Amino acid sequence: QVHLVESGGGLVQAGGSLRLSCAASGGTFSRYAMGWFRQAPGKEREFVTAIDWTGASTLYADSVKGRFTISRDNAKNTVYLQMNSLKPEDTAVYYCAADTRRSLYASSRIIKNYDYWGQGTQVTVSS
Protein backbone atom coordinates (compact mmCIF):
# COMPACT_ATOMS: atom_id res chain seq x y z
CA GLN A 1 0.00 0.00 0.00
CA VAL A 2 1.35 3.40 -1.03
CA HIS A 3 0.67 6.44 1.12
CA LEU A 4 0.87 9.85 -0.55
CA VAL A 5 0.91 13.17 1.29
CA GLU A 6 0.73 16.50 -0.53
CA SER A 7 1.97 19.77 0.90
CA GLY A 8 2.78 23.30 -0.21
CA GLY A 9 -0.66 24.61 -1.04
CA GLY A 10 -1.88 28.01 0.06
CA LEU A 11 -3.14 31.42 -0.97
CA VAL A 12 -1.25 33.35 -3.62
CA GLN A 13 -1.95 36.37 -5.80
CA ALA A 14 -2.39 36.02 -9.53
CA GLY A 15 0.97 35.93 -11.24
CA GLY A 16 2.61 34.35 -8.24
CA SER A 17 4.19 30.94 -7.74
CA LEU A 18 3.79 27.91 -5.53
CA ARG A 19 5.63 24.63 -5.27
CA LEU A 20 3.69 21.57 -4.28
CA SER A 21 5.32 18.43 -2.92
CA CYS A 22 4.02 14.90 -2.69
CA ALA A 23 5.86 12.52 -0.38
CA ALA A 24 5.38 8.79 -0.85
CA SER A 25 5.81 5.95 1.61
CA GLY A 26 4.96 2.29 1.85
CA GLY A 27 5.78 1.31 -1.72
CA THR A 28 8.46 1.43 -4.39
CA PHE A 29 8.14 5.05 -5.45
CA SER A 30 10.90 4.85 -8.05
CA ARG A 31 8.89 2.27 -10.03
CA TYR A 32 5.75 4.38 -10.40
CA ALA A 33 4.70 7.04 -12.82
CA MET A 34 3.28 9.97 -10.90
CA GLY A 35 0.57 12.43 -11.74
CA TRP A 36 -1.00 15.61 -10.47
CA PHE A 37 -4.72 16.27 -10.80
CA ARG A 38 -6.90 19.07 -9.56
CA GLN A 39 -10.53 19.62 -8.69
CA ALA A 40 -12.19 23.01 -8.53
CA PRO A 41 -15.48 23.55 -6.64
CA GLY A 42 -18.39 22.18 -8.62
CA LYS A 43 -16.15 20.67 -11.29
CA GLU A 44 -14.80 17.24 -12.06
CA ARG A 45 -11.27 16.25 -11.19
CA GLU A 46 -8.97 16.94 -14.11
CA PHE A 47 -5.51 15.96 -15.24
CA VAL A 48 -2.73 18.48 -14.77
CA THR A 49 0.57 16.71 -15.43
CA ALA A 50 2.39 13.40 -15.14
CA ILE A 51 5.96 12.12 -15.07
CA ASP A 52 7.33 8.67 -15.79
CA TRP A 53 9.30 6.59 -13.33
CA THR A 54 12.68 7.89 -14.55
CA GLY A 55 11.69 11.53 -14.68
CA ALA A 56 12.68 11.73 -18.33
CA SER A 57 9.18 11.90 -19.81
CA THR A 58 6.36 14.28 -18.90
CA LEU A 59 2.84 15.15 -19.98
CA TYR A 60 0.98 18.41 -19.41
CA ALA A 61 -2.56 19.63 -19.82
CA ASP A 62 -2.74 22.44 -22.35
CA SER A 63 -4.06 24.79 -19.67
CA VAL A 64 -0.83 24.60 -17.66
CA LYS A 65 1.79 23.98 -20.33
CA GLY A 66 4.61 26.50 -20.08
CA ARG A 67 3.60 27.56 -16.56
CA PHE A 68 3.78 24.35 -14.50
CA THR A 69 6.70 21.94 -14.20
CA ILE A 70 6.61 18.46 -12.73
CA SER A 71 9.74 16.82 -11.38
CA ARG A 72 10.69 14.00 -9.05
CA ASP A 73 13.45 12.98 -6.70
CA ASN A 74 13.45 9.21 -6.36
CA ALA A 75 16.03 9.35 -3.59
CA LYS A 76 13.56 11.37 -1.53
CA ASN A 77 10.43 9.53 -2.69
CA THR A 78 8.96 12.88 -3.64
CA VAL A 79 7.32 14.41 -6.69
CA TYR A 80 7.04 18.17 -7.12
CA LEU A 81 4.82 20.56 -8.99
CA GLN A 82 6.28 24.00 -9.60
CA MET A 83 3.48 26.39 -10.52
CA ASN A 84 4.35 29.77 -11.98
CA SER A 85 2.25 32.60 -13.43
CA LEU A 86 -0.72 31.37 -11.45
CA LYS A 87 -4.20 32.42 -12.51
CA PRO A 88 -7.47 32.52 -10.54
CA GLU A 89 -8.70 29.60 -12.65
CA ASP A 90 -5.90 27.47 -11.19
CA THR A 91 -7.73 27.55 -7.86
CA ALA A 92 -8.49 23.97 -6.86
CA VAL A 93 -7.59 21.11 -4.59
CA TYR A 94 -4.48 19.49 -6.05
CA TYR A 95 -3.98 15.74 -5.74
CA CYS A 96 -0.98 13.61 -6.49
CA ALA A 97 -1.43 10.04 -7.64
CA ALA A 98 0.70 6.99 -8.40
CA ASP A 99 0.42 4.80 -11.49
CA THR A 100 2.12 1.43 -11.15
CA ARG A 101 2.63 1.17 -14.92
CA ARG A 102 5.88 3.19 -14.69
CA SER A 103 5.83 4.70 -18.19
CA LEU A 104 3.53 7.35 -19.58
CA TYR A 105 0.77 6.67 -22.05
CA ALA A 106 -2.04 8.68 -23.54
CA SER A 107 -4.17 7.08 -20.85
CA SER A 108 -1.96 8.62 -18.18
CA ARG A 109 -4.36 11.57 -18.38
CA ILE A 110 -7.20 9.38 -17.12
CA ILE A 111 -8.06 9.21 -13.42
CA LYS A 112 -8.97 5.53 -13.31
CA ASN A 113 -5.47 4.47 -14.36
CA TYR A 114 -3.98 5.71 -11.09
CA ASP A 115 -3.80 3.26 -8.23
CA TYR A 116 -3.02 5.46 -5.23
CA TRP A 117 -4.07 8.98 -4.27
CA GLY A 118 -3.16 11.59 -1.74
CA GLN A 119 -5.63 13.58 0.31
CA GLY A 120 -5.08 16.80 -1.63
CA THR A 121 -3.83 20.29 -0.89
CA GLN A 122 -5.75 23.50 -1.48
CA VAL A 123 -4.40 26.12 -3.87
CA THR A 124 -6.21 29.45 -4.00
CA VAL A 125 -5.21 32.15 -6.45
CA SER A 126 -6.66 35.60 -5.82
CA SER A 127 -7.18 38.14 -8.57
Foldseek 3Di string as FASTA:
>chain_A
DKAKAKDWADEEAAQAKTKMKIAIDDDQLLQWKKFKWWDDPPGDIFGAKIAFSVQPDMDGDPVQPPFWDWGDDSVRRMIMIIGGRDDQVVWTWMKMFIANPRDDDPCVRPPVRTDDIYPTDTHGYHD
